[in-house]
Amino acid sequence: MAKVYDASWHRPAPALLQPGDGIILYASRTEAKCPTAAECAAYRARGVIVRFVFEDSATRAAIGNYADGKADGALTLGQVKAKGGQRGDVVYFAADSNALMSLEYARGFRDGLTSFFMAGPYAGDRNLERARVSLGMTKLWQASAGSWSDHWNPAAHHGAYEHAVLYQVVGASPVPGTDLNVINDHAWHTVVGATTPEDDVSYSDWPEAAQQALYNDVASAVVARGVAPYNGTLAAILNDIRARVVAVGVAVGTLDPTGGGTLDAHAVAQEIITGLGPDLAHQVLVALNAALPNQ
């Protein structure tokens, strides 16, 4: 059965985890606490799910305001994307104390992640309930601290707060340097159905692979229309058909004045995204068929 671990300063070797396990690592302004992109890639190569939790100090989420939360969320967004995070991943933030969590901080952190990642609190059950009821947060990770994280049923300890997706286990983990977590919801790490990066996310926030997929879709459609021979780059194809596109008055963004009037491929892609919606592979072809002159 898959297990979820969390680790900060002392991260376990990938071989100590099993394919299908999860590991939650840190985003922080303290560099040594955070994994490198290479470490994250090694875990993924092992088949381990990699997720992140932000924490600079145990009380940051208690005393911070909206602006603090948004700044921390934006910092986390950049760090996690640089280490392979994909749209729809859950990113946690730590409220690691007995103090009441600042709901304004939590709201700011969520906004700082934009719609690219989904925010979830790591906290005691009392704070998890406040985040669930007041902010609609659902990816709730219960901390192991028995003195302030067992309000629902102190005798039963962890597992009594039914809305938690993860319960951090009290006691030793079988993997040195980590904490062990019990999975209460197998979707603890992702948003169900978050597989289409073109939905609700600006083009600049797409993963590189998704941007390339768009380029390939456009290139394939152009080739299918017989407009220009495919030479391997979308930019070249778009330059070849620039006059045709402009001639039929297609709204494709702006021409790049520094490039001798060549069409900006990114502007074209953004306009396609804005005008079409989620079913990109099919609709790009339909749009190009309508926009380009008959051959």
C-alpha atoms as a PDB file:
ATOM      1  CA  MET A   1       0.000   0.000   0.000  1.00  0.00           C
ATOM      2  CA  ALA A   2       1.335   3.427  -0.952  1.00  0.00           C
ATOM      3  CA  LYS A   3       2.636   5.691   1.793  1.00  0.00           C
ATOM      4  CA  VAL A   4       3.220   9.444   1.966  1.00  0.00           C
ATOM      5  CA  TYR A   5       6.261  10.914   3.692  1.00  0.00           C
ATOM      6  CA  ASP A   6       7.339  14.475   4.369  1.00  0.00           C
ATOM      7  CA  ALA A   7      10.917  15.641   4.798  1.00  0.00           C
ATOM      8  CA  SER A   8      12.848  18.886   5.116  1.00  0.00           C
ATOM      9  CA  TRP A   9      16.553  19.054   5.942  1.00  0.00           C
ATOM     10  CA  HIS A  10      17.298  15.331   5.569  1.00  0.00           C
ATOM     11  CA  ARG A  11      15.681  13.994   2.450  1.00  0.00           C
ATOM     12  CA  PRO A  12      15.679  10.223   1.898  1.00  0.00           C
ATOM     13  CA  ALA A  13      17.299   8.533  -1.082  1.00  0.00           C
ATOM     14  CA  PRO A  14      14.697   7.665  -3.743  1.00  0.00           C
ATOM     15  CA  ALA A  15      15.538   3.962  -3.353  1.00  0.00           C
ATOM     16  CA  LEU A  16      14.115   4.047   0.190  1.00  0.00           C
ATOM     17  CA  LEU A  17      10.657   4.812  -1.223  1.00  0.00           C
ATOM     18  CA  GLN A  18       8.452   2.602  -3.355  1.00  0.00           C
ATOM     19  CA  PRO A  19       6.900   3.493  -6.721  1.00  0.00           C
ATOM     20  CA  GLY A  20       3.489   4.972  -6.007  1.00  0.00           C
ATOM     21  CA  ASP A  21       4.579   6.487  -2.683  1.00  0.00           C
ATOM     22  CA  GLY A  22       4.435  10.232  -2.168  1.00  0.00           C
ATOM     23  CA  ILE A  23       6.881  12.665  -0.653  1.00  0.00           C
ATOM     24  CA  ILE A  24       6.117  16.226   0.434  1.00  0.00           C
ATOM     25  CA  LEU A  25       9.140  18.522   0.369  1.00  0.00           C
ATOM     26  CA  TYR A  26       9.651  22.150   1.302  1.00  0.00           C
ATOM     27  CA  ALA A  27       9.363  25.456  -0.467  1.00  0.00           C
ATOM     28  CA  SER A  28      10.988  28.159   1.623  1.00  0.00           C
ATOM     29  CA  ARG A  29      13.332  31.116   1.691  1.00  0.00           C
ATOM     30  CA  THR A  30      15.757  28.838   3.550  1.00  0.00           C
ATOM     31  CA  GLU A  31      17.551  27.219   0.638  1.00  0.00           C
ATOM     32  CA  ALA A  32      19.022  24.246   2.508  1.00  0.00           C
ATOM     33  CA  LYS A  33      15.528  23.180   3.545  1.00  0.00           C
ATOM     34  CA  CYS A  34      14.440  22.863  -0.079  1.00  0.00           C
ATOM     35  CA  PRO A  35      15.175  20.116  -2.602  1.00  0.00           C
ATOM     36  CA  THR A  36      16.915  20.788  -5.891  1.00  0.00           C
ATOM     37  CA  ALA A  37      15.242  20.232  -9.229  1.00  0.00           C
ATOM     38  CA  ALA A  38      17.540  17.235  -9.724  1.00  0.00           C
ATOM     39  CA  GLU A  39      16.401  15.668  -6.443  1.00  0.00           C
ATOM     40  CA  CYS A  40      12.768  16.082  -7.456  1.00  0.00           C
ATOM     41  CA  ALA A  41      13.474  14.528 -10.848  1.00  0.00           C
ATOM     42  CA  ALA A  42      15.157  11.546  -9.161  1.00  0.00           C
ATOM     43  CA  TYR A  43      12.086  10.909  -7.011  1.00  0.00           C
ATOM     44  CA  ARG A  44       9.811  11.099 -10.040  1.00  0.00           C
ATOM     45  CA  ALA A  45      12.067   8.734 -11.972  1.00  0.00           C
ATOM     46  CA  ARG A  46      11.521   6.277  -9.128  1.00  0.00           C
ATOM     47  CA  GLY A  47       7.752   6.644  -9.586  1.00  0.00           C
ATOM     48  CA  VAL A  48       7.278   8.737  -6.431  1.00  0.00           C
ATOM     49  CA  ILE A  49       4.688  11.542  -6.339  1.00  0.00           C
ATOM     50  CA  VAL A  50       6.416  14.817  -5.379  1.00  0.00           C
ATOM     51  CA  ARG A  51       4.491  17.616  -3.705  1.00  0.00           C
ATOM     52  CA  PHE A  52       5.461  20.660  -1.638  1.00  0.00           C
ATOM     53  CA  VAL A  53       4.637  22.512   1.559  1.00  0.00           C
ATOM     54  CA  PHE A  54       5.648  26.123   2.202  1.00  0.00           C
ATOM     55  CA  GLU A  55       7.041  27.156   5.567  1.00  0.00           C
ATOM     56  CA  ASP A  56       9.470  29.858   6.614  1.00  0.00           C
ATOM     57  CA  SER A  57       8.468  29.889  10.281  1.00  0.00           C
ATOM     58  CA  ALA A  58       5.964  27.987  12.393  1.00  0.00           C
ATOM     59  CA  THR A  59       3.857  31.069  13.127  1.00  0.00           C
ATOM     60  CA  ARG A  60       3.926  32.792   9.723  1.00  0.00           C
ATOM     61  CA  ALA A  61       0.425  31.576   8.848  1.00  0.00           C
ATOM     62  CA  ALA A  62      -0.878  32.736  12.227  1.00  0.00           C
ATOM     63  CA  ILE A  63       0.461  36.292  12.257  1.00  0.00           C
ATOM     64  CA  GLY A  64       0.694  36.985   8.524  1.00  0.00           C
ATOM     65  CA  ASN A  65      -1.804  39.101   6.610  1.00  0.00           C
ATOM     66  CA  TYR A  66      -3.177  38.819   3.082  1.00  0.00           C
ATOM     67  CA  ALA A  67      -0.136  40.484   1.509  1.00  0.00           C
ATOM     68  CA  ASP A  68       2.209  38.145   3.385  1.00  0.00           C
ATOM     69  CA  GLY A  69       0.265  35.136   2.211  1.00  0.00           C
ATOM     70  CA  LYS A  70       0.165  36.305  -1.383  1.00  0.00           C
ATOM     71  CA  ALA A  71       3.917  36.960  -1.381  1.00  0.00           C
ATOM     72  CA  ASP A  72       4.580  33.493   0.038  1.00  0.00           C
ATOM     73  CA  GLY A  73       2.225  31.919  -2.484  1.00  0.00           C
ATOM     74  CA  ALA A  74       3.925  33.692  -5.387  1.00  0.00           C
ATOM     75  CA  LEU A  75       7.348  32.616  -4.134  1.00  0.00           C
ATOM     76  CA  THR A  76       6.114  29.049  -3.824  1.00  0.00           C
ATOM     77  CA  LEU A  77       4.563  29.142  -7.287  1.00  0.00           C
ATOM     78  CA  GLY A  78       7.926  29.992  -8.819  1.00  0.00           C
ATOM     79  CA  GLN A  79       9.902  27.468  -6.796  1.00  0.00           C
ATOM     80  CA  VAL A  80       7.545  24.560  -7.392  1.00  0.00           C
ATOM     81  CA  LYS A  81       7.149  25.223 -11.123  1.00  0.00           C
ATOM     82  CA  ALA A  82      10.937  25.352 -11.446  1.00  0.00           C
ATOM     83  CA  LYS A  83      11.115  21.904  -9.835  1.00  0.00           C
ATOM     84  CA  GLY A  84       8.623  20.198 -12.100  1.00  0.00           C
ATOM     85  CA  GLY A  85       5.283  21.048 -10.529  1.00  0.00           C
ATOM     86  CA  GLN A  86       2.351  20.748 -12.927  1.00  0.00           C
ATOM     87  CA  ARG A  87      -0.984  22.488 -13.113  1.00  0.00           C
ATOM     88  CA  GLY A  88      -3.477  20.938 -10.717  1.00  0.00           C
ATOM     89  CA  ASP A  89      -0.862  19.885  -8.154  1.00  0.00           C
ATOM     90  CA  VAL A  90      -1.776  20.528  -4.529  1.00  0.00           C
ATOM     91  CA  VAL A  91       0.692  22.779  -2.682  1.00  0.00           C
ATOM     92  CA  TYR A  92       0.415  22.981   1.086  1.00  0.00           C
ATOM     93  CA  PHE A  93       1.268  25.788   3.484  1.00  0.00           C
ATOM     94  CA  ALA A  94       2.143  25.167   7.109  1.00  0.00           C
ATOM     95  CA  ALA A  95       0.281  26.571  10.101  1.00  0.00           C
ATOM     96  CA  ASP A  96       2.497  24.672  12.507  1.00  0.00           C
ATOM     97  CA  SER A  97       1.399  26.036  15.862  1.00  0.00           C
ATOM     98  CA  ASN A  98      -1.463  26.083  18.335  1.00  0.00           C
ATOM     99  CA  ALA A  99      -2.365  29.663  17.347  1.00  0.00           C
ATOM    100  CA  LEU A 100      -5.393  30.374  15.194  1.00  0.00           C
ATOM    101  CA  MET A 101      -4.463  30.487  11.543  1.00  0.00           C
ATOM    102  CA  SER A 102      -4.948  33.827   9.799  1.00  0.00           C
ATOM    103  CA  LEU A 103      -7.657  33.264   7.222  1.00  0.00           C
ATOM    104  CA  GLU A 104      -6.454  36.360   5.368  1.00  0.00           C
ATOM    105  CA  TYR A 105      -2.984  34.829   5.103  1.00  0.00           C
ATOM    106  CA  ALA A 106      -4.500  31.579   3.814  1.00  0.00           C
ATOM    107  CA  ARG A 107      -6.584  33.463   1.252  1.00  0.00           C
ATOM    108  CA  GLY A 108      -3.509  35.405   0.141  1.00  0.00           C
ATOM    109  CA  PHE A 109      -1.439  32.235  -0.216  1.00  0.00           C
ATOM    110  CA  ARG A 110      -4.126  30.694  -2.394  1.00  0.00           C
ATOM    111  CA  ASP A 111      -4.242  33.792  -4.583  1.00  0.00           C
ATOM    112  CA  GLY A 112      -0.456  33.860  -4.820  1.00  0.00           C
ATOM    113  CA  LEU A 113      -0.511  30.370  -6.331  1.00  0.00           C
ATOM    114  CA  THR A 114      -2.928  31.687  -8.995  1.00  0.00           C
ATOM    115  CA  SER A 115      -5.106  28.981 -10.529  1.00  0.00           C
ATOM    116  CA  PHE A 116      -2.044  26.947 -11.463  1.00  0.00           C
ATOM    117  CA  PHE A 117      -1.765  25.100  -8.128  1.00  0.00           C
ATOM    118  CA  MET A 118      -4.359  24.329  -5.459  1.00  0.00           C
ATOM    119  CA  ALA A 119      -3.641  25.463  -1.902  1.00  0.00           C
ATOM    120  CA  GLY A 120      -4.064  23.187   1.090  1.00  0.00           C
ATOM    121  CA  PRO A 121      -3.246  23.860   4.752  1.00  0.00           C
ATOM    122  CA  TYR A 122      -1.044  21.710   6.980  1.00  0.00           C
ATOM    123  CA  ALA A 123      -2.405  22.453  10.450  1.00  0.00           C
ATOM    124  CA  GLY A 124      -4.188  21.231  13.516  1.00  0.00           C
ATOM    125  CA  ASP A 125      -7.706  19.988  13.025  1.00  0.00           C
ATOM    126  CA  ARG A 126      -9.234  23.143  14.501  1.00  0.00           C
ATOM    127  CA  ASN A 127      -7.524  25.306  11.875  1.00  0.00           C
ATOM    128  CA  LEU A 128      -8.301  22.826   9.125  1.00  0.00           C
ATOM    129  CA  GLU A 129     -11.988  23.102   9.961  1.00  0.00           C
ATOM    130  CA  ARG A 130     -11.810  26.903   9.835  1.00  0.00           C
ATOM    131  CA  ALA A 131     -10.125  26.774   6.425  1.00  0.00           C
ATOM    132  CA  ARG A 132     -12.728  24.308   5.164  1.00  0.00           C
ATOM    133  CA  VAL A 133     -15.753  26.239   6.390  1.00  0.00           C
ATOM    134  CA  SER A 134     -14.546  29.796   5.746  1.00  0.00           C
ATOM    135  CA  LEU A 135     -12.463  29.376   2.595  1.00  0.00           C
ATOM    136  CA  GLY A 136     -13.798  26.182   1.053  1.00  0.00           C
ATOM    137  CA  MET A 137     -10.394  24.487   1.187  1.00  0.00           C
ATOM    138  CA  THR A 138     -10.555  20.716   0.821  1.00  0.00           C
ATOM    139  CA  LYS A 139      -6.944  19.479   0.672  1.00  0.00           C
ATOM    140  CA  LEU A 140      -6.524  19.370   4.451  1.00  0.00           C
ATOM    141  CA  TRP A 141      -3.422  17.804   6.027  1.00  0.00           C
ATOM    142  CA  GLN A 142      -3.597  17.195   9.782  1.00  0.00           C
ATOM    143  CA  ALA A 143      -0.433  17.842  11.795  1.00  0.00           C
ATOM    144  CA  SER A 144       0.746  15.227  14.288  1.00  0.00           C
ATOM    145  CA  ALA A 145       1.035  17.504  17.340  1.00  0.00           C
ATOM    146  CA  GLY A 146      -1.223  15.800  19.875  1.00  0.00           C
ATOM    147  CA  SER A 147      -1.433  18.808  22.184  1.00  0.00           C
ATOM    148  CA  TRP A 148      -3.195  21.014  19.599  1.00  0.00           C
ATOM    149  CA  SER A 149      -4.313  18.803  16.726  1.00  0.00           C
ATOM    150  CA  ASP A 150      -6.771  16.438  18.401  1.00  0.00           C
ATOM    151  CA  HIS A 151      -9.757  18.636  19.209  1.00  0.00           C
ATOM    152  CA  TRP A 152     -12.214  16.339  17.416  1.00  0.00           C
ATOM    153  CA  ASN A 153     -11.421  13.318  19.543  1.00  0.00           C
ATOM    154  CA  PRO A 154      -8.350  13.522  21.814  1.00  0.00           C
ATOM    155  CA  ALA A 155      -8.718   9.881  22.804  1.00  0.00           C
ATOM    156  CA  ALA A 156      -8.666   8.655  19.208  1.00  0.00           C
ATOM    157  CA  HIS A 157      -5.901  11.047  18.136  1.00  0.00           C
ATOM    158  CA  HIS A 158      -5.397  11.283  14.389  1.00  0.00           C
ATOM    159  CA  GLY A 159      -8.024   9.961  12.085  1.00  0.00           C
ATOM    160  CA  ALA A 160     -10.976  11.482  13.917  1.00  0.00           C
ATOM    161  CA  TYR A 161     -11.115  14.598  11.721  1.00  0.00           C
ATOM    162  CA  GLU A 162     -12.882  13.079   8.738  1.00  0.00           C
ATOM    163  CA  HIS A 163     -12.178  15.877   6.249  1.00  0.00           C
ATOM    164  CA  ALA A 164      -8.384  15.526   6.314  1.00  0.00           C
ATOM    165  CA  VAL A 165      -6.842  14.041   3.176  1.00  0.00           C
ATOM    166  CA  LEU A 166      -3.671  13.146   5.125  1.00  0.00           C
ATOM    167  CA  TYR A 167      -2.991  12.413   8.788  1.00  0.00           C
ATOM    168  CA  GLN A 168       0.584  12.917   9.926  1.00  0.00           C
ATOM    169  CA  VAL A 169       1.494   9.964  12.138  1.00  0.00           C
ATOM    170  CA  VAL A 170       2.676  10.413  15.703  1.00  0.00           C
ATOM    171  CA  GLY A 171       5.889   8.487  16.280  1.00  0.00           C
ATOM    172  CA  ALA A 172       8.766   7.210  14.203  1.00  0.00           C
ATOM    173  CA  SER A 173       8.664   6.784  10.439  1.00  0.00           C
ATOM    174  CA  PRO A 174      10.108   3.660   8.798  1.00  0.00           C
ATOM    175  CA  VAL A 175      12.148   5.946   6.504  1.00  0.00           C
ATOM    176  CA  PRO A 176      14.830   7.876   8.441  1.00  0.00           C
ATOM    177  CA  GLY A 177      14.590  11.654   8.275  1.00  0.00           C
ATOM    178  CA  THR A 178      10.905  11.693   7.390  1.00  0.00           C
ATOM    179  CA  ASP A 179       7.454  11.807   8.919  1.00  0.00           C
ATOM    180  CA  LEU A 180       4.906   9.207   7.831  1.00  0.00           C
ATOM    181  CA  ASN A 181       1.384  10.175   6.794  1.00  0.00           C
ATOM    182  CA  VAL A 182      -1.770   8.082   6.554  1.00  0.00           C
ATOM    183  CA  ILE A 183      -3.756   8.590   3.344  1.00  0.00           C
ATOM    184  CA  ASN A 184      -7.431   9.340   3.933  1.00  0.00           C
ATOM    185  CA  ASP A 185      -8.142  10.500   0.375  1.00  0.00           C
ATOM    186  CA  HIS A 186      -6.225   9.094  -2.575  1.00  0.00           C
ATOM    187  CA  ALA A 187      -6.648  12.416  -4.369  1.00  0.00           C
ATOM    188  CA  TRP A 188      -4.531  14.103  -1.666  1.00  0.00           C
ATOM    189  CA  HIS A 189      -2.016  15.306  -4.230  1.00  0.00           C
ATOM    190  CA  THR A 190      -4.026  16.635  -7.143  1.00  0.00           C
ATOM    191  CA  VAL A 191      -7.210  18.250  -8.349  1.00  0.00           C
ATOM    192  CA  VAL A 192      -9.480  15.676  -9.951  1.00  0.00           C
ATOM    193  CA  GLY A 193      -9.717  16.298 -13.675  1.00  0.00           C
ATOM    194  CA  ALA A 194      -6.891  18.859 -13.776  1.00  0.00           C
ATOM    195  CA  THR A 195      -5.384  17.571 -16.993  1.00  0.00           C
ATOM    196  CA  THR A 196      -5.983  20.387 -19.460  1.00  0.00           C
ATOM    197  CA  PRO A 197      -3.577  23.293 -18.922  1.00  0.00           C
ATOM    198  CA  GLU A 198      -5.383  25.377 -21.510  1.00  0.00           C
ATOM    199  CA  ASP A 199      -8.368  25.790 -19.157  1.00  0.00           C
ATOM    200  CA  ASP A 200      -8.426  28.957 -17.061  1.00  0.00           C
ATOM    201  CA  VAL A 201      -4.649  29.497 -17.149  1.00  0.00           C
ATOM    202  CA  SER A 202      -2.804  32.149 -19.120  1.00  0.00           C
ATOM    203  CA  TYR A 203      -0.465  30.863 -21.795  1.00  0.00           C
ATOM    204  CA  SER A 204       2.617  32.141 -19.946  1.00  0.00           C
ATOM    205  CA  ASP A 205       1.729  29.852 -17.020  1.00  0.00           C
ATOM    206  CA  TRP A 206       1.460  26.683 -19.102  1.00  0.00           C
ATOM    207  CA  PRO A 207       4.083  23.971 -18.533  1.00  0.00           C
ATOM    208  CA  GLU A 208       6.681  23.959 -21.326  1.00  0.00           C
ATOM    209  CA  ALA A 209       5.412  20.609 -22.597  1.00  0.00           C
ATOM    210  CA  ALA A 210       1.891  22.024 -22.974  1.00  0.00           C
ATOM    211  CA  GLN A 211       3.205  25.061 -24.856  1.00  0.00           C
ATOM    212  CA  GLN A 212       5.050  22.744 -27.232  1.00  0.00           C
ATOM    213  CA  ALA A 213       1.892  20.680 -27.694  1.00  0.00           C
ATOM    214  CA  LEU A 214       0.062  23.812 -28.816  1.00  0.00           C
ATOM    215  CA  TYR A 215       2.823  24.596 -31.272  1.00  0.00           C
ATOM    216  CA  ASN A 216       2.605  21.071 -32.651  1.00  0.00           C
ATOM    217  CA  ASP A 217      -1.182  21.320 -32.969  1.00  0.00           C
ATOM    218  CA  VAL A 218      -0.921  24.550 -34.933  1.00  0.00           C
ATOM    219  CA  ALA A 219       1.891  23.233 -37.105  1.00  0.00           C
ATOM    220  CA  SER A 220      -0.026  20.048 -37.909  1.00  0.00           C
ATOM    221  CA  ALA A 221      -3.101  22.041 -38.847  1.00  0.00           C
ATOM    222  CA  VAL A 222      -1.089  24.302 -41.129  1.00  0.00           C
ATOM    223  CA  VAL A 223       0.503  21.317 -42.829  1.00  0.00           C
ATOM    224  CA  ALA A 224      -2.904  19.673 -43.240  1.00  0.00           C
ATOM    225  CA  ARG A 225      -4.079  22.788 -45.069  1.00  0.00           C
ATOM    226  CA  GLY A 226      -1.079  22.623 -47.400  1.00  0.00           C
ATOM    227  CA  VAL A 227      -0.185  26.233 -46.637  1.00  0.00           C
ATOM    228  CA  ALA A 228       3.540  25.724 -46.231  1.00  0.00           C
ATOM    229  CA  PRO A 229       5.971  22.831 -46.008  1.00  0.00           C
ATOM    230  CA  TYR A 230       6.658  21.816 -42.422  1.00  0.00           C
ATOM    231  CA  ASN A 231      10.269  22.567 -41.585  1.00  0.00           C
ATOM    232  CA  GLY A 232      10.202  21.793 -37.886  1.00  0.00           C
ATOM    233  CA  THR A 233       9.438  25.119 -36.246  1.00  0.00           C
ATOM    234  CA  LEU A 234       6.107  26.814 -35.782  1.00  0.00           C
ATOM    235  CA  ALA A 235       7.688  30.271 -35.938  1.00  0.00           C
ATOM    236  CA  ALA A 236       8.963  29.596 -39.457  1.00  0.00           C
ATOM    237  CA  ILE A 237       5.574  28.292 -40.590  1.00  0.00           C
ATOM    238  CA  LEU A 238       3.769  31.304 -39.150  1.00  0.00           C
ATOM    239  CA  ASN A 239       6.187  33.657 -40.886  1.00  0.00           C
ATOM    240  CA  ASP A 240       5.514  31.832 -44.157  1.00  0.00           C
ATOM    241  CA  ILE A 241       1.767  32.329 -43.851  1.00  0.00           C
ATOM    242  CA  ARG A 242       1.868  35.811 -42.273  1.00  0.00           C
ATOM    243  CA  ALA A 243       0.646  37.579 -45.410  1.00  0.00           C
ATOM    244  CA  ARG A 244      -2.246  35.146 -45.840  1.00  0.00           C
ATOM    245  CA  VAL A 245      -3.359  35.495 -42.220  1.00  0.00           C
ATOM    246  CA  VAL A 246      -3.202  39.280 -42.243  1.00  0.00           C
ATOM    247  CA  ALA A 247      -4.932  39.441 -45.596  1.00  0.00           C
ATOM    248  CA  VAL A 248      -8.049  37.723 -44.320  1.00  0.00           C
ATOM    249  CA  GLY A 249      -8.186  39.950 -41.261  1.00  0.00           C
ATOM    250  CA  VAL A 250      -7.673  37.287 -38.617  1.00  0.00           C
ATOM    251  CA  ALA A 251      -7.272  38.639 -35.076  1.00  0.00           C
ATOM    252  CA  VAL A 252      -3.920  37.113 -34.237  1.00  0.00           C
ATOM    253  CA  GLY A 253      -2.337  39.716 -31.998  1.00  0.00           C
ATOM    254  CA  THR A 254       0.368  42.132 -32.994  1.00  0.00           C
ATOM    255  CA  LEU A 255       3.213  42.082 -35.459  1.00  0.00           C
ATOM    256  CA  ASP A 256       6.644  42.313 -33.932  1.00  0.00           C
ATOM    257  CA  PRO A 257       8.113  45.657 -35.042  1.00  0.00           C
ATOM    258  CA  THR A 258      11.630  44.533 -34.141  1.00  0.00           C
ATOM    259  CA  GLY A 259      11.445  41.468 -36.344  1.00  0.00           C
ATOM    260  CA  GLY A 260      10.847  43.099 -39.692  1.00  0.00           C
ATOM    261  CA  GLY A 261       7.094  42.641 -39.449  1.00  0.00           C
ATOM    262  CA  THR A 262       7.202  38.933 -38.677  1.00  0.00           C
ATOM    263  CA  LEU A 263       4.350  37.394 -36.739  1.00  0.00           C
ATOM    264  CA  ASP A 264       4.908  36.823 -33.024  1.00  0.00           C
ATOM    265  CA  ALA A 265       4.182  33.100 -32.492  1.00  0.00           C
ATOM    266  CA  HIS A 266       3.408  33.625 -28.809  1.00  0.00           C
ATOM    267  CA  ALA A 267       0.892  36.352 -29.611  1.00  0.00           C
ATOM    268  CA  VAL A 268      -0.784  34.057 -32.117  1.00  0.00           C
ATOM    269  CA  ALA A 269      -0.927  31.236 -29.577  1.00  0.00           C
ATOM    270  CA  GLN A 270      -2.411  33.520 -26.931  1.00  0.00           C
ATOM    271  CA  GLU A 271      -5.098  34.755 -29.291  1.00  0.00           C
ATOM    272  CA  ILE A 272      -5.988  31.218 -30.268  1.00  0.00           C
ATOM    273  CA  ILE A 273      -6.311  30.241 -26.610  1.00  0.00           C
ATOM    274  CA  THR A 274      -8.397  33.297 -25.758  1.00  0.00           C
ATOM    275  CA  GLY A 275     -10.761  32.761 -28.633  1.00  0.00           C
ATOM    276  CA  LEU A 276     -11.230  29.026 -28.602  1.00  0.00           C
ATOM    277  CA  GLY A 277     -11.452  27.360 -25.223  1.00  0.00           C
ATOM    278  CA  PRO A 278     -10.450  23.946 -23.932  1.00  0.00           C
ATOM    279  CA  ASP A 279     -10.772  21.540 -26.876  1.00  0.00           C
ATOM    280  CA  LEU A 280      -7.644  22.949 -28.420  1.00  0.00           C
ATOM    281  CA  ALA A 281      -6.456  20.101 -30.633  1.00  0.00           C
ATOM    282  CA  HIS A 282      -9.733  20.020 -32.572  1.00  0.00           C
ATOM    283  CA  GLN A 283     -10.620  23.697 -32.487  1.00  0.00           C
ATOM    284  CA  VAL A 284      -7.241  24.937 -33.681  1.00  0.00           C
ATOM    285  CA  LEU A 285      -7.745  22.971 -36.865  1.00  0.00           C
ATOM    286  CA  VAL A 286     -11.290  24.296 -37.277  1.00  0.00           C
ATOM    287  CA  ALA A 287     -10.115  27.869 -36.713  1.00  0.00           C
ATOM    288  CA  LEU A 288      -7.271  27.602 -39.184  1.00  0.00           C
ATOM    289  CA  ASN A 289      -9.543  26.070 -41.793  1.00  0.00           C
ATOM    290  CA  ALA A 290     -11.862  29.042 -41.401  1.00  0.00           C
ATOM    291  CA  ALA A 291      -9.116  31.671 -41.236  1.00  0.00           C
ATOM    292  CA  LEU A 292      -6.789  30.684 -44.048  1.00  0.00           C
ATOM    293  CA  PRO A 293      -7.738  31.206 -47.682  1.00  0.00           C
ATOM    294  CA  ASN A 294      -8.810  28.196 -49.681  1.00  0.00           C
ATOM    295  CA  GLN A 295      -6.023  26.473 -51.524  1.00  0.00           C
END
